[in-house]
Protein backbone atom coordinates (compact mmCIF):
# COMPACT_ATOMS: atom_id res chain seq x y z
CA MET A 1 0.00 0.00 0.00
CA TYR A 2 1.24 3.46 -0.88
CA ASP A 3 0.62 6.74 0.89
CA ARG A 4 -0.85 9.50 -1.24
CA PRO A 5 -0.08 12.90 0.33
CA HIS A 6 0.33 15.97 -1.85
CA LEU A 7 3.49 16.75 -3.74
CA ALA A 8 5.95 19.01 -1.93
CA PHE A 9 6.26 21.11 -5.06
CA ASP A 10 2.62 22.09 -4.60
CA ARG A 11 3.49 23.85 -1.36
CA GLU A 12 4.37 27.44 -2.22
CA SER A 13 6.37 27.90 0.98
CA LEU A 14 8.88 25.32 -0.28
CA ARG A 15 9.06 26.48 -3.89
CA SER A 16 10.86 29.44 -5.43
CA TYR A 17 12.40 30.49 -8.72
CA ASP A 18 15.69 32.26 -9.26
CA ALA A 19 16.31 35.16 -11.66
CA ASP A 20 16.95 32.72 -14.52
CA GLY A 21 13.77 30.68 -13.96
CA ARG A 22 15.34 27.68 -12.26
CA LEU A 23 13.11 25.94 -9.72
CA ARG A 24 14.41 25.68 -6.16
CA VAL A 25 12.77 23.47 -3.56
CA ALA A 26 13.65 24.05 0.09
CA ARG A 27 12.80 20.49 1.12
CA ALA A 28 12.08 17.38 -0.94
CA ASN A 29 11.78 13.87 0.46
CA LEU A 30 14.22 11.60 -1.39
CA SER A 31 13.38 8.28 0.24
CA ARG A 32 11.67 6.91 3.32
CA ALA A 33 12.06 4.11 5.80
CA ALA A 34 9.49 1.58 4.62
CA VAL A 35 8.87 -1.97 3.49
CA ASN A 36 8.38 -2.14 -0.29
CA PRO A 37 8.05 -4.92 -2.89
CA TYR A 38 10.87 -5.92 -5.23
CA TYR A 39 11.16 -8.74 -7.73
CA GLY A 40 13.90 -11.19 -6.87
CA ARG A 41 15.75 -10.16 -10.04
CA GLU A 42 15.91 -6.57 -8.75
CA ILE A 43 17.81 -7.54 -5.61
CA PRO A 44 21.62 -7.32 -5.91
CA GLY A 45 23.24 -10.76 -6.08
CA TRP A 46 19.90 -12.52 -6.27
CA ARG A 47 21.31 -15.61 -7.99
CA LYS A 48 23.97 -16.16 -5.32
CA LEU A 49 21.31 -15.61 -2.68
CA GLY A 50 19.14 -18.29 -4.28
CA LEU A 51 16.20 -15.95 -4.82
CA ASP A 52 13.37 -16.58 -7.27
CA SER A 53 13.64 -13.98 -10.04
CA GLU A 54 9.84 -13.69 -10.37
CA ARG A 55 8.90 -13.81 -6.71
CA ILE A 56 8.12 -10.53 -4.96
CA TYR A 57 10.20 -9.93 -1.84
CA GLN A 58 9.36 -7.34 0.76
CA MET A 59 12.51 -5.31 1.48
CA TRP A 60 12.87 -2.92 4.40
CA ARG A 61 14.75 0.33 4.06
CA HIS A 62 15.75 0.39 7.71
CA PRO A 63 15.77 3.86 9.28
CA ASP A 64 19.26 3.32 10.71
CA GLU A 65 20.56 2.45 7.24
CA LEU A 66 18.97 5.54 5.69
CA ALA A 67 20.46 7.71 8.41
CA LYS A 68 23.93 6.30 7.70
CA ALA A 69 23.43 6.82 3.96
CA ALA A 70 22.44 10.48 4.16
CA ALA A 71 25.82 11.95 3.23
CA THR A 72 26.05 9.77 0.09
CA PHE A 73 23.04 11.57 -1.42
CA ALA A 74 24.64 15.03 -1.21
CA GLN A 75 24.99 16.83 -4.56
CA LEU A 76 23.81 13.84 -6.59
CA PRO A 77 22.46 14.49 -10.08
CA LEU A 78 18.71 14.91 -10.45
CA LEU A 79 17.61 13.00 -13.56
CA GLY A 80 14.51 13.09 -15.72
CA TRP A 81 14.44 9.29 -15.82
CA HIS A 82 16.24 6.39 -14.17
CA VAL A 83 19.59 5.43 -15.64
CA PRO A 84 22.77 4.54 -13.71
CA VAL A 85 25.39 7.28 -13.84
CA ASN A 86 29.06 7.57 -12.97
CA ALA A 87 32.03 9.81 -13.76
CA GLU A 88 32.80 8.05 -17.04
CA ASP A 89 29.17 7.95 -18.19
CA HIS A 90 27.30 10.79 -16.51
CA ARG A 91 24.41 10.89 -19.02
CA PRO A 92 24.20 14.67 -19.54
CA ALA A 93 20.99 14.34 -21.58
CA ALA A 94 19.22 12.89 -18.54
CA VAL A 95 20.40 15.51 -16.03
CA ILE A 96 17.74 18.10 -15.11
CA GLY A 97 19.14 19.44 -11.86
CA CYS A 98 20.93 18.63 -8.64
CA VAL A 99 20.33 17.51 -5.07
CA GLY A 100 21.55 19.97 -2.45
CA SER A 101 24.48 19.41 -0.12
CA GLU A 102 22.56 19.36 3.18
CA ILE A 103 20.90 15.96 3.55
CA LYS A 104 18.87 15.22 6.67
CA PHE A 105 16.92 12.28 8.07
CA ASP A 106 13.93 12.82 10.36
CA GLY A 107 13.46 9.21 11.41
CA VAL A 108 11.19 8.42 8.46
CA HIS A 109 12.22 10.54 5.47
CA LEU A 110 15.59 11.30 3.94
CA TYR A 111 15.25 14.86 2.64
CA ALA A 112 17.22 17.64 0.98
CA PRO A 113 16.86 20.84 -1.04
CA LEU A 114 16.71 20.49 -4.83
CA ILE A 115 17.30 22.68 -7.82
CA VAL A 116 15.74 21.93 -11.21
CA TRP A 117 17.54 23.55 -14.14
CA ALA A 118 15.63 22.36 -17.21
CA GLN A 119 12.41 24.13 -18.23
CA ASP A 120 10.76 21.00 -19.65
CA ALA A 121 11.36 19.23 -16.33
CA ILE A 122 9.97 22.22 -14.43
CA ASP A 123 6.90 22.09 -16.67
CA ASP A 124 6.43 18.36 -15.92
CA ILE A 125 6.60 19.04 -12.19
CA GLU A 126 4.23 22.00 -12.30
CA SER A 127 1.70 20.10 -14.43
CA GLY A 128 1.83 17.04 -12.18
CA ASP A 129 3.13 14.76 -14.94
CA LYS A 130 6.11 13.92 -12.74
CA ARG A 131 4.58 13.61 -9.31
CA GLU A 132 7.24 11.92 -7.23
CA LEU A 133 10.93 11.39 -6.58
CA SER A 134 12.69 8.08 -6.86
CA SER A 135 16.16 7.44 -5.50
CA ALA A 136 18.60 4.95 -7.00
CA TYR A 137 21.32 3.46 -4.84
CA ARG A 138 23.60 0.54 -4.21
CA TYR A 139 22.93 -1.63 -1.18
CA ASP A 140 23.79 -4.98 0.33
CA PRO A 141 20.76 -7.24 0.82
CA ASP A 142 20.46 -8.91 4.21
CA MET A 143 17.86 -11.60 3.56
CA THR A 144 17.04 -12.21 7.20
CA PRO A 145 13.25 -12.03 7.54
CA GLY A 146 11.52 -10.31 10.40
CA ARG A 147 9.04 -7.63 11.37
CA THR A 148 9.39 -3.90 11.78
CA PRO A 149 8.61 -2.31 15.16
CA ALA A 150 5.15 -1.57 13.72
CA GLY A 151 4.64 -5.27 13.03
CA GLU A 152 5.04 -5.21 9.23
CA ALA A 153 6.64 -8.38 7.85
CA TYR A 154 9.70 -8.18 5.61
CA ASP A 155 11.89 -10.68 3.76
CA GLY A 156 15.13 -8.72 3.93
CA VAL A 157 16.82 -5.48 4.92
CA MET A 158 18.75 -3.04 2.72
CA ARG A 159 22.18 -2.49 4.27
CA ASN A 160 25.05 -0.13 3.41
CA ILE A 161 23.00 2.11 1.13
CA ILE A 162 25.02 4.41 -1.19
CA GLY A 163 23.16 6.95 -3.34
CA ASN A 164 23.72 7.10 -7.11
CA HIS A 165 21.09 9.55 -8.37
CA VAL A 166 17.57 10.85 -7.81
CA ALA A 167 14.96 10.87 -10.59
CA THR A 168 11.58 12.50 -11.13
CA VAL A 169 8.93 9.87 -11.89
CA GLU A 170 5.17 9.58 -12.28
CA MET A 171 4.80 7.12 -9.41
CA GLY A 172 7.47 6.03 -6.98
CA ARG A 173 7.90 2.86 -4.97
CA ALA A 174 8.37 4.76 -1.72
CA GLY A 175 5.07 6.53 -2.37
CA PRO A 176 4.31 10.19 -3.01
CA SER A 177 5.39 11.19 0.47
CA CYS A 178 8.67 11.24 -1.49
CA TYR A 179 7.56 14.29 -3.29
CA VAL A 180 8.25 14.86 -6.90
CA GLY A 181 11.87 7.30 -4.25
CA ASP A 182 11.57 4.59 -5.56
CA HIS A 183 9.96 3.75 -8.87
CA LYS A 184 6.81 1.66 -8.42
CA LEU A 185 6.95 -2.04 -9.22
CA VAL A 186 6.07 -2.76 -12.85
CA ALA A 187 5.54 -6.36 -13.94
CA ARG A 188 8.00 -7.94 -16.37
CA MET A 189 10.21 -4.88 -16.81
CA ASP A 190 13.83 -6.10 -16.87
CA TYR A 191 15.99 -3.00 -17.02
CA SER A 192 19.18 -5.05 -16.78
CA LYS A 193 18.87 -5.73 -20.50
CA MET A 194 19.15 -1.99 -21.13
CA PHE A 195 21.48 -1.07 -18.27
CA PRO A 196 23.95 -3.74 -17.07
CA ASP A 197 24.47 -2.01 -13.71
CA TYR A 198 20.74 -1.59 -13.03
CA HIS A 199 20.36 -4.28 -10.36
CA ARG A 200 23.35 -2.96 -8.42
CA LEU A 201 21.91 0.54 -8.36
CA ARG A 202 18.16 0.22 -8.00
CA GLY A 203 16.48 0.20 -4.70
């Protein structure tokens, strides 16, 4: 189940524009501590772990792990779509802005300021076409099942999270409390065929 609060970009107190028309957001939620569904094939090292590629596993982004990961999200590229990026292949056509340098965690949400440079991306945000944020990151899967303090069952925990990028998406896996991440589960989409590093980076 996904929460459906309003987009942060709809809150005027958080939104401003500079003299050149770039959109600045004082606070945007990048990810949240939650249990979310992932296909086995999306989990790093799934073959070695003996996971079923088509089974859905409930993975917990543990609040302690998000807190430790906060600094790794500083100044990451903000992309118009998900694609792994690095120094050798930084995908300039996909870059629409940047995450700020001050990343904080409030016990539930990982959040930061954002700046959006590209007018078409600003238009998508203002129109609601891109409603949410989705973060991509590396992590180590700890497939020890259990329950959260709230009693929600999970199959594994994401450990040692390291941010790679943040993308604007229509619907994110972490839910729209991650205003304007994670991309919502879509059946039979195997991005590893397009991007060899996809399973290492997605979360």
